[in-house]
Amino acid sequence: MATLNSLPDPIRLIAGSIENAEAASRGWRGLVCFPLSIEFANHGTALEGLLLLDGDSISTSGHTEYGAARLMSSINLVAERIGITLSGISLREDLQRYSYEDALTGLKNRRYFDQLFEHETAVALRKDLPLSLLLVDIDHFKRFNDTHGHEAGDKALQAFAAILKSRFRGSDIVCRYGGEEFVVILPGSDVAGARERAEELREATRTEAVEFEGNNLGYLTISIGVANWPENTGKPGQLLKLADEALYRAKTGGRDNVEVFTES
């Protein structure tokens, strides 16, 4: 089996340049490589694969050097078209991903949340499984920005996003809802479990210092509103509204706090 170290350099031919291909055909022996280059939205074009063919078979199939050169040029053109097709697929996937991804934090964005939340509420109703929602707000974030600057504020948002990513995995859905607000969907979680997860997040946040340009900017605190279906409401679609009400109580109650929705 050929290894990457033993593969010959990819042969690049200009499609339609039979003279160049015919000149190269005299030296075909063993494995011939055709590069498969793919264009990505975020880092340009890269060699992502090789189409490997036996050079002796190409020479035999072409009968003459000129015929083999024409075959070689055609194969090269096919490889280029494969690369173009794969590039189109890659670019569409990248664009779709970016349309649902928050550029600063790498979390899913509000558009993604709006679409997935509707799906999760339907699943909860169909399977009769509990569904919890956490609405999270970074305390005094405007003051942090005013004190340290917007670049430091961006760093703080990224640091908090990293904490969220480390605390919630698997079926949990974490999104940046807007500004300094984040939302977490917890499928299958009852209200007690959701509150415990919220408290763990609050504790983890207040122990992780924000560092920017070599300076320790201190610690963030967060306020969290928790709501659950079916414990807090008969309509899971209302969870965001109820979590927002609970978040408001957490903030007016002194911040750095977790509040579960209750009827006032």
C-alpha atoms as a PDB file:
ATOM      1  CA  MET A   1       0.000   0.000   0.000  1.00  0.00           C
ATOM      2  CA  ALA A   2       1.319   3.437  -0.907  1.00  0.00           C
ATOM      3  CA  THR A   3       1.982   5.842   1.944  1.00  0.00           C
ATOM      4  CA  LEU A   4       1.810   9.630   1.827  1.00  0.00           C
ATOM      5  CA  ASN A   5       5.619   9.779   1.836  1.00  0.00           C
ATOM      6  CA  SER A   6       5.887   7.418  -1.148  1.00  0.00           C
ATOM      7  CA  LEU A   7       3.298   9.143  -3.344  1.00  0.00           C
ATOM      8  CA  PRO A   8       4.675  11.035  -6.343  1.00  0.00           C
ATOM      9  CA  ASP A   9       4.120  14.754  -6.646  1.00  0.00           C
ATOM     10  CA  PRO A  10       0.688  15.585  -8.116  1.00  0.00           C
ATOM     11  CA  ILE A  11       0.847  16.089 -11.885  1.00  0.00           C
ATOM     12  CA  ARG A  12      -0.822  19.325 -12.923  1.00  0.00           C
ATOM     13  CA  LEU A  13      -1.740  19.632 -16.592  1.00  0.00           C
ATOM     14  CA  ILE A  14      -3.441  22.415 -18.445  1.00  0.00           C
ATOM     15  CA  ALA A  15      -6.682  21.020 -19.820  1.00  0.00           C
ATOM     16  CA  GLY A  16      -6.478  20.935 -23.601  1.00  0.00           C
ATOM     17  CA  SER A  17      -2.677  21.287 -23.723  1.00  0.00           C
ATOM     18  CA  ILE A  18      -2.026  17.967 -25.415  1.00  0.00           C
ATOM     19  CA  GLU A  19       1.561  18.879 -26.290  1.00  0.00           C
ATOM     20  CA  ASN A  20       2.469  19.293 -22.621  1.00  0.00           C
ATOM     21  CA  ALA A  21       0.628  16.129 -21.676  1.00  0.00           C
ATOM     22  CA  GLU A  22       2.272  14.179 -24.492  1.00  0.00           C
ATOM     23  CA  ALA A  23       5.716  15.326 -23.358  1.00  0.00           C
ATOM     24  CA  ALA A  24       4.941  14.264 -19.814  1.00  0.00           C
ATOM     25  CA  SER A  25       3.521  10.926 -20.916  1.00  0.00           C
ATOM     26  CA  ARG A  26       6.970   9.615 -21.843  1.00  0.00           C
ATOM     27  CA  GLY A  27       7.888   9.578 -18.178  1.00  0.00           C
ATOM     28  CA  TRP A  28       4.725   7.992 -16.753  1.00  0.00           C
ATOM     29  CA  ARG A  29       5.568   5.055 -14.573  1.00  0.00           C
ATOM     30  CA  GLY A  30       3.806   3.702 -11.503  1.00  0.00           C
ATOM     31  CA  LEU A  31       1.264   5.773  -9.569  1.00  0.00           C
ATOM     32  CA  VAL A  32      -0.033   9.038 -11.034  1.00  0.00           C
ATOM     33  CA  CYS A  33      -1.731  11.581  -8.752  1.00  0.00           C
ATOM     34  CA  PHE A  34      -4.359  14.120  -9.725  1.00  0.00           C
ATOM     35  CA  PRO A  35      -4.918  16.795  -7.053  1.00  0.00           C
ATOM     36  CA  LEU A  36      -8.419  17.419  -5.669  1.00  0.00           C
ATOM     37  CA  SER A  37      -8.385  21.011  -4.406  1.00  0.00           C
ATOM     38  CA  ILE A  38     -11.366  22.375  -2.497  1.00  0.00           C
ATOM     39  CA  GLU A  39     -12.172  26.014  -1.771  1.00  0.00           C
ATOM     40  CA  PHE A  40     -13.319  26.875   1.755  1.00  0.00           C
ATOM     41  CA  ALA A  41     -15.049  30.058   2.853  1.00  0.00           C
ATOM     42  CA  ASN A  42     -12.739  30.685   5.803  1.00  0.00           C
ATOM     43  CA  HIS A  43      -9.276  29.619   4.625  1.00  0.00           C
ATOM     44  CA  GLY A  44      -9.203  29.622   0.833  1.00  0.00           C
ATOM     45  CA  THR A  45      -8.221  26.718  -1.385  1.00  0.00           C
ATOM     46  CA  ALA A  46      -6.503  23.635   0.001  1.00  0.00           C
ATOM     47  CA  LEU A  47      -5.442  20.250  -1.313  1.00  0.00           C
ATOM     48  CA  GLU A  48      -7.908  17.854   0.291  1.00  0.00           C
ATOM     49  CA  GLY A  49      -7.481  14.669  -1.729  1.00  0.00           C
ATOM     50  CA  LEU A  50      -5.787  12.820  -4.530  1.00  0.00           C
ATOM     51  CA  LEU A  51      -7.199  10.837  -7.414  1.00  0.00           C
ATOM     52  CA  LEU A  52      -4.708   7.984  -7.837  1.00  0.00           C
ATOM     53  CA  LEU A  53      -4.346   6.054 -11.111  1.00  0.00           C
ATOM     54  CA  ASP A  54      -1.834   3.614 -12.525  1.00  0.00           C
ATOM     55  CA  GLY A  55       0.355   5.390 -15.091  1.00  0.00           C
ATOM     56  CA  ASP A  56       1.082   2.228 -17.055  1.00  0.00           C
ATOM     57  CA  SER A  57      -2.650   1.541 -17.446  1.00  0.00           C
ATOM     58  CA  ILE A  58      -3.218   5.051 -18.805  1.00  0.00           C
ATOM     59  CA  SER A  59      -0.429   4.599 -21.354  1.00  0.00           C
ATOM     60  CA  THR A  60      -1.847   1.219 -22.439  1.00  0.00           C
ATOM     61  CA  SER A  61      -5.420   2.504 -22.657  1.00  0.00           C
ATOM     62  CA  GLY A  62      -4.344   5.405 -24.871  1.00  0.00           C
ATOM     63  CA  HIS A  63      -2.549   3.092 -27.365  1.00  0.00           C
ATOM     64  CA  THR A  64      -0.229   5.936 -28.447  1.00  0.00           C
ATOM     65  CA  GLU A  65       1.546   8.700 -26.569  1.00  0.00           C
ATOM     66  CA  TYR A  66      -0.824  11.224 -28.134  1.00  0.00           C
ATOM     67  CA  GLY A  67      -3.888   9.139 -27.143  1.00  0.00           C
ATOM     68  CA  ALA A  68      -2.564   8.636 -23.635  1.00  0.00           C
ATOM     69  CA  ALA A  69      -1.938  12.379 -23.371  1.00  0.00           C
ATOM     70  CA  ARG A  70      -5.518  13.121 -24.391  1.00  0.00           C
ATOM     71  CA  LEU A  71      -6.748  10.620 -21.795  1.00  0.00           C
ATOM     72  CA  MET A  72      -4.464  12.163 -19.160  1.00  0.00           C
ATOM     73  CA  SER A  73      -5.728  15.657 -19.933  1.00  0.00           C
ATOM     74  CA  SER A  74      -9.350  14.471 -19.751  1.00  0.00           C
ATOM     75  CA  ILE A  75      -8.783  12.806 -16.381  1.00  0.00           C
ATOM     76  CA  ASN A  76      -7.164  15.994 -15.099  1.00  0.00           C
ATOM     77  CA  LEU A  77     -10.210  17.970 -16.224  1.00  0.00           C
ATOM     78  CA  VAL A  78     -12.496  15.499 -14.420  1.00  0.00           C
ATOM     79  CA  ALA A  79     -10.430  15.929 -11.235  1.00  0.00           C
ATOM     80  CA  GLU A  80     -10.774  19.706 -11.520  1.00  0.00           C
ATOM     81  CA  ARG A  81     -14.544  19.407 -11.956  1.00  0.00           C
ATOM     82  CA  ILE A  82     -14.764  17.128  -8.914  1.00  0.00           C
ATOM     83  CA  GLY A  83     -12.895  19.787  -6.953  1.00  0.00           C
ATOM     84  CA  ILE A  84     -15.282  22.488  -8.175  1.00  0.00           C
ATOM     85  CA  THR A  85     -18.307  20.391  -7.196  1.00  0.00           C
ATOM     86  CA  LEU A  86     -16.913  19.651  -3.732  1.00  0.00           C
ATOM     87  CA  SER A  87     -16.026  23.336  -3.318  1.00  0.00           C
ATOM     88  CA  GLY A  88     -19.640  24.283  -4.000  1.00  0.00           C
ATOM     89  CA  ILE A  89     -20.872  21.814  -1.403  1.00  0.00           C
ATOM     90  CA  SER A  90     -18.293  23.029   1.119  1.00  0.00           C
ATOM     91  CA  LEU A  91     -19.127  26.695   0.563  1.00  0.00           C
ATOM     92  CA  ARG A  92     -22.860  26.066   0.960  1.00  0.00           C
ATOM     93  CA  GLU A  93     -22.236  24.177   4.199  1.00  0.00           C
ATOM     94  CA  ASP A  94     -19.977  26.960   5.486  1.00  0.00           C
ATOM     95  CA  LEU A  95     -22.531  29.637   4.647  1.00  0.00           C
ATOM     96  CA  GLN A  96     -25.296  27.674   6.338  1.00  0.00           C
ATOM     97  CA  ARG A  97     -23.143  27.171   9.417  1.00  0.00           C
ATOM     98  CA  TYR A  98     -22.198  30.844   9.570  1.00  0.00           C
ATOM     99  CA  SER A  99     -25.837  31.889   9.253  1.00  0.00           C
ATOM    100  CA  TYR A 100     -26.555  30.030  12.504  1.00  0.00           C
ATOM    101  CA  GLU A 101     -23.309  30.817  14.318  1.00  0.00           C
ATOM    102  CA  ASP A 102     -22.362  33.827  16.396  1.00  0.00           C
ATOM    103  CA  ALA A 103     -19.088  35.092  14.942  1.00  0.00           C
ATOM    104  CA  LEU A 104     -17.657  36.372  18.239  1.00  0.00           C
ATOM    105  CA  THR A 105     -18.311  33.439  20.574  1.00  0.00           C
ATOM    106  CA  GLY A 106     -18.702  30.494  18.202  1.00  0.00           C
ATOM    107  CA  LEU A 107     -22.018  29.625  19.869  1.00  0.00           C
ATOM    108  CA  LYS A 108     -25.249  29.225  17.950  1.00  0.00           C
ATOM    109  CA  ASN A 109     -27.128  32.479  17.444  1.00  0.00           C
ATOM    110  CA  ARG A 110     -30.672  33.674  18.064  1.00  0.00           C
ATOM    111  CA  ARG A 111     -31.845  32.604  14.624  1.00  0.00           C
ATOM    112  CA  TYR A 112     -30.764  29.055  15.408  1.00  0.00           C
ATOM    113  CA  PHE A 113     -32.444  29.191  18.814  1.00  0.00           C
ATOM    114  CA  ASP A 114     -35.746  30.402  17.380  1.00  0.00           C
ATOM    115  CA  GLN A 115     -35.878  27.510  14.929  1.00  0.00           C
ATOM    116  CA  LEU A 116     -34.623  24.784  17.252  1.00  0.00           C
ATOM    117  CA  PHE A 117     -36.716  25.854  20.236  1.00  0.00           C
ATOM    118  CA  GLU A 118     -39.862  25.324  18.198  1.00  0.00           C
ATOM    119  CA  HIS A 119     -38.625  21.856  17.302  1.00  0.00           C
ATOM    120  CA  GLU A 120     -37.734  20.972  20.906  1.00  0.00           C
ATOM    121  CA  THR A 121     -41.125  22.067  22.234  1.00  0.00           C
ATOM    122  CA  ALA A 122     -42.827  19.854  19.654  1.00  0.00           C
ATOM    123  CA  VAL A 123     -40.636  16.890  20.654  1.00  0.00           C
ATOM    124  CA  ALA A 124     -41.355  17.476  24.358  1.00  0.00           C
ATOM    125  CA  LEU A 125     -45.087  17.465  23.725  1.00  0.00           C
ATOM    126  CA  ARG A 126     -44.986  14.422  21.452  1.00  0.00           C
ATOM    127  CA  LYS A 127     -42.831  12.326  23.796  1.00  0.00           C
ATOM    128  CA  ASP A 128     -44.216  13.798  27.030  1.00  0.00           C
ATOM    129  CA  LEU A 129     -40.712  14.659  28.249  1.00  0.00           C
ATOM    130  CA  PRO A 130     -39.864  17.664  30.453  1.00  0.00           C
ATOM    131  CA  LEU A 131     -38.155  20.664  28.902  1.00  0.00           C
ATOM    132  CA  SER A 132     -36.219  23.345  30.764  1.00  0.00           C
ATOM    133  CA  LEU A 133     -34.850  26.702  29.692  1.00  0.00           C
ATOM    134  CA  LEU A 134     -32.130  28.873  31.224  1.00  0.00           C
ATOM    135  CA  LEU A 135     -31.933  32.557  30.320  1.00  0.00           C
ATOM    136  CA  VAL A 136     -28.564  33.971  31.377  1.00  0.00           C
ATOM    137  CA  ASP A 137     -27.415  37.582  31.658  1.00  0.00           C
ATOM    138  CA  ILE A 138     -23.902  38.806  32.511  1.00  0.00           C
ATOM    139  CA  ASP A 139     -24.224  41.219  35.420  1.00  0.00           C
ATOM    140  CA  HIS A 140     -23.192  44.864  34.930  1.00  0.00           C
ATOM    141  CA  PHE A 141     -21.724  44.144  31.516  1.00  0.00           C
ATOM    142  CA  LYS A 142     -22.148  47.745  30.338  1.00  0.00           C
ATOM    143  CA  ARG A 143     -20.067  48.895  33.305  1.00  0.00           C
ATOM    144  CA  PHE A 144     -17.405  46.312  32.402  1.00  0.00           C
ATOM    145  CA  ASN A 145     -17.304  47.644  28.817  1.00  0.00           C
ATOM    146  CA  ASP A 146     -17.148  51.255  29.939  1.00  0.00           C
ATOM    147  CA  THR A 147     -14.340  50.496  32.379  1.00  0.00           C
ATOM    148  CA  HIS A 148     -12.131  48.228  30.278  1.00  0.00           C
ATOM    149  CA  GLY A 149     -13.176  48.959  26.681  1.00  0.00           C
ATOM    150  CA  HIS A 150     -15.098  47.039  24.036  1.00  0.00           C
ATOM    151  CA  GLU A 151     -12.203  44.783  23.078  1.00  0.00           C
ATOM    152  CA  ALA A 152     -11.940  43.622  26.655  1.00  0.00           C
ATOM    153  CA  GLY A 153     -15.723  43.224  26.653  1.00  0.00           C
ATOM    154  CA  ASP A 154     -15.466  40.955  23.611  1.00  0.00           C
ATOM    155  CA  LYS A 155     -12.816  38.926  25.432  1.00  0.00           C
ATOM    156  CA  ALA A 156     -15.136  38.591  28.414  1.00  0.00           C
ATOM    157  CA  LEU A 157     -17.952  37.323  26.192  1.00  0.00           C
ATOM    158  CA  GLN A 158     -15.605  34.787  24.642  1.00  0.00           C
ATOM    159  CA  ALA A 159     -14.407  33.668  28.063  1.00  0.00           C
ATOM    160  CA  PHE A 160     -17.965  33.173  29.260  1.00  0.00           C
ATOM    161  CA  ALA A 161     -18.856  31.304  26.058  1.00  0.00           C
ATOM    162  CA  ALA A 162     -15.957  28.938  26.777  1.00  0.00           C
ATOM    163  CA  ILE A 163     -17.417  28.262  30.231  1.00  0.00           C
ATOM    164  CA  LEU A 164     -20.804  27.526  28.683  1.00  0.00           C
ATOM    165  CA  LYS A 165     -19.255  25.126  26.193  1.00  0.00           C
ATOM    166  CA  SER A 166     -17.476  23.273  28.984  1.00  0.00           C
ATOM    167  CA  ARG A 167     -20.589  22.969  31.181  1.00  0.00           C
ATOM    168  CA  PHE A 168     -23.182  21.970  28.594  1.00  0.00           C
ATOM    169  CA  ARG A 169     -22.720  19.167  26.076  1.00  0.00           C
ATOM    170  CA  GLY A 170     -24.570  16.413  24.274  1.00  0.00           C
ATOM    171  CA  SER A 171     -28.253  17.176  23.814  1.00  0.00           C
ATOM    172  CA  ASP A 172     -28.040  20.591  25.561  1.00  0.00           C
ATOM    173  CA  ILE A 173     -28.346  23.576  23.220  1.00  0.00           C
ATOM    174  CA  VAL A 174     -26.419  26.750  24.070  1.00  0.00           C
ATOM    175  CA  CYS A 175     -26.983  29.972  22.117  1.00  0.00           C
ATOM    176  CA  ARG A 176     -26.006  33.597  22.343  1.00  0.00           C
ATOM    177  CA  TYR A 177     -29.384  35.283  22.472  1.00  0.00           C
ATOM    178  CA  GLY A 178     -28.088  38.813  22.001  1.00  0.00           C
ATOM    179  CA  GLY A 179     -25.630  41.213  23.608  1.00  0.00           C
ATOM    180  CA  GLU A 180     -24.692  39.771  26.987  1.00  0.00           C
ATOM    181  CA  GLU A 181     -27.680  37.395  27.114  1.00  0.00           C
ATOM    182  CA  PHE A 182     -27.412  33.657  26.521  1.00  0.00           C
ATOM    183  CA  VAL A 183     -29.987  30.886  26.481  1.00  0.00           C
ATOM    184  CA  VAL A 184     -29.671  27.180  27.208  1.00  0.00           C
ATOM    185  CA  ILE A 185     -32.244  24.559  26.224  1.00  0.00           C
ATOM    186  CA  LEU A 186     -32.198  21.440  28.411  1.00  0.00           C
ATOM    187  CA  PRO A 187     -34.311  18.694  26.799  1.00  0.00           C
ATOM    188  CA  GLY A 188     -35.485  16.053  29.252  1.00  0.00           C
ATOM    189  CA  SER A 189     -34.490  18.084  32.320  1.00  0.00           C
ATOM    190  CA  ASP A 190     -36.896  18.636  35.206  1.00  0.00           C
ATOM    191  CA  VAL A 191     -36.905  21.884  37.133  1.00  0.00           C
ATOM    192  CA  ALA A 192     -34.709  20.575  39.959  1.00  0.00           C
ATOM    193  CA  GLY A 193     -32.069  19.391  37.518  1.00  0.00           C
ATOM    194  CA  ALA A 194     -32.220  22.665  35.591  1.00  0.00           C
ATOM    195  CA  ARG A 195     -31.754  24.696  38.754  1.00  0.00           C
ATOM    196  CA  GLU A 196     -28.765  22.580  39.762  1.00  0.00           C
ATOM    197  CA  ARG A 197     -27.149  23.091  36.360  1.00  0.00           C
ATOM    198  CA  ALA A 198     -27.798  26.833  36.620  1.00  0.00           C
ATOM    199  CA  GLU A 199     -26.167  27.035  40.052  1.00  0.00           C
ATOM    200  CA  GLU A 200     -23.147  25.098  38.797  1.00  0.00           C
ATOM    201  CA  LEU A 201     -22.805  27.547  35.900  1.00  0.00           C
ATOM    202  CA  ARG A 202     -23.091  30.540  38.236  1.00  0.00           C
ATOM    203  CA  GLU A 203     -20.380  29.166  40.528  1.00  0.00           C
ATOM    204  CA  ALA A 204     -18.079  28.278  37.638  1.00  0.00           C
ATOM    205  CA  THR A 205     -18.390  31.769  36.165  1.00  0.00           C
ATOM    206  CA  ARG A 206     -17.497  33.631  39.342  1.00  0.00           C
ATOM    207  CA  THR A 207     -14.272  31.636  39.736  1.00  0.00           C
ATOM    208  CA  GLU A 208     -12.877  32.199  36.213  1.00  0.00           C
ATOM    209  CA  ALA A 209     -10.951  35.458  35.899  1.00  0.00           C
ATOM    210  CA  VAL A 210     -11.101  37.398  32.632  1.00  0.00           C
ATOM    211  CA  GLU A 211      -7.647  38.126  31.248  1.00  0.00           C
ATOM    212  CA  PHE A 212      -6.961  40.660  28.520  1.00  0.00           C
ATOM    213  CA  GLU A 213      -3.557  41.714  27.170  1.00  0.00           C
ATOM    214  CA  GLY A 214      -1.829  40.171  30.165  1.00  0.00           C
ATOM    215  CA  ASN A 215      -4.057  41.905  32.717  1.00  0.00           C
ATOM    216  CA  ASN A 216      -6.440  40.263  35.147  1.00  0.00           C
ATOM    217  CA  LEU A 217      -9.757  42.105  34.801  1.00  0.00           C
ATOM    218  CA  GLY A 218     -11.470  40.286  37.630  1.00  0.00           C
ATOM    219  CA  TYR A 219     -14.444  37.967  37.655  1.00  0.00           C
ATOM    220  CA  LEU A 220     -17.834  38.023  35.992  1.00  0.00           C
ATOM    221  CA  THR A 221     -21.072  37.202  37.730  1.00  0.00           C
ATOM    222  CA  ILE A 222     -24.291  36.130  36.080  1.00  0.00           C
ATOM    223  CA  SER A 223     -28.009  36.098  36.778  1.00  0.00           C
ATOM    224  CA  ILE A 224     -30.118  33.195  35.534  1.00  0.00           C
ATOM    225  CA  GLY A 225     -33.839  32.691  35.063  1.00  0.00           C
ATOM    226  CA  VAL A 226     -35.126  29.112  34.946  1.00  0.00           C
ATOM    227  CA  ALA A 227     -38.430  27.830  33.584  1.00  0.00           C
ATOM    228  CA  ASN A 228     -39.720  24.317  33.036  1.00  0.00           C
ATOM    229  CA  TRP A 229     -42.471  22.506  31.198  1.00  0.00           C
ATOM    230  CA  PRO A 230     -44.723  21.072  32.451  1.00  0.00           C
ATOM    231  CA  GLU A 231     -44.059  22.273  36.008  1.00  0.00           C
ATOM    232  CA  ASN A 232     -44.303  26.026  35.315  1.00  0.00           C
ATOM    233  CA  THR A 233     -46.663  26.091  32.352  1.00  0.00           C
ATOM    234  CA  GLY A 234     -48.943  23.925  30.249  1.00  0.00           C
ATOM    235  CA  LYS A 235     -47.493  25.411  27.067  1.00  0.00           C
ATOM    236  CA  PRO A 236     -43.785  24.786  26.445  1.00  0.00           C
ATOM    237  CA  GLY A 237     -43.724  27.616  23.926  1.00  0.00           C
ATOM    238  CA  GLN A 238     -44.080  30.039  26.853  1.00  0.00           C
ATOM    239  CA  LEU A 239     -40.831  28.964  28.514  1.00  0.00           C
ATOM    240  CA  LEU A 240     -38.778  31.868  27.142  1.00  0.00           C
ATOM    241  CA  LYS A 241     -41.255  34.412  28.482  1.00  0.00           C
ATOM    242  CA  LEU A 242     -41.334  32.740  31.902  1.00  0.00           C
ATOM    243  CA  ALA A 243     -37.538  32.409  32.054  1.00  0.00           C
ATOM    244  CA  ASP A 244     -37.295  36.120  31.249  1.00  0.00           C
ATOM    245  CA  GLU A 245     -39.597  36.938  34.162  1.00  0.00           C
ATOM    246  CA  ALA A 246     -37.472  34.770  36.453  1.00  0.00           C
ATOM    247  CA  LEU A 247     -34.304  36.461  35.149  1.00  0.00           C
ATOM    248  CA  TYR A 248     -35.796  39.862  35.944  1.00  0.00           C
ATOM    249  CA  ARG A 249     -36.361  38.762  39.544  1.00  0.00           C
ATOM    250  CA  ALA A 250     -32.800  37.414  39.739  1.00  0.00           C
ATOM    251  CA  LYS A 251     -31.426  40.780  38.617  1.00  0.00           C
ATOM    252  CA  THR A 252     -33.656  42.931  40.810  1.00  0.00           C
ATOM    253  CA  GLY A 253     -32.918  40.609  43.745  1.00  0.00           C
ATOM    254  CA  GLY A 254     -29.250  41.553  43.760  1.00  0.00           C
ATOM    255  CA  ARG A 255     -27.787  39.704  40.747  1.00  0.00           C
ATOM    256  CA  ASP A 256     -25.308  36.813  40.922  1.00  0.00           C
ATOM    257  CA  ASN A 257     -28.414  34.772  41.521  1.00  0.00           C
ATOM    258  CA  VAL A 258     -30.582  31.952  40.106  1.00  0.00           C
ATOM    259  CA  GLU A 259     -34.362  32.287  40.121  1.00  0.00           C
ATOM    260  CA  VAL A 260     -36.875  29.646  39.088  1.00  0.00           C
ATOM    261  CA  PHE A 261     -40.155  30.924  37.715  1.00  0.00           C
ATOM    262  CA  THR A 262     -43.003  30.959  40.201  1.00  0.00           C
ATOM    263  CA  GLU A 263     -46.430  32.482  39.972  1.00  0.00           C
ATOM    264  CA  SER A 264     -46.373  35.868  41.703  1.00  0.00           C
END
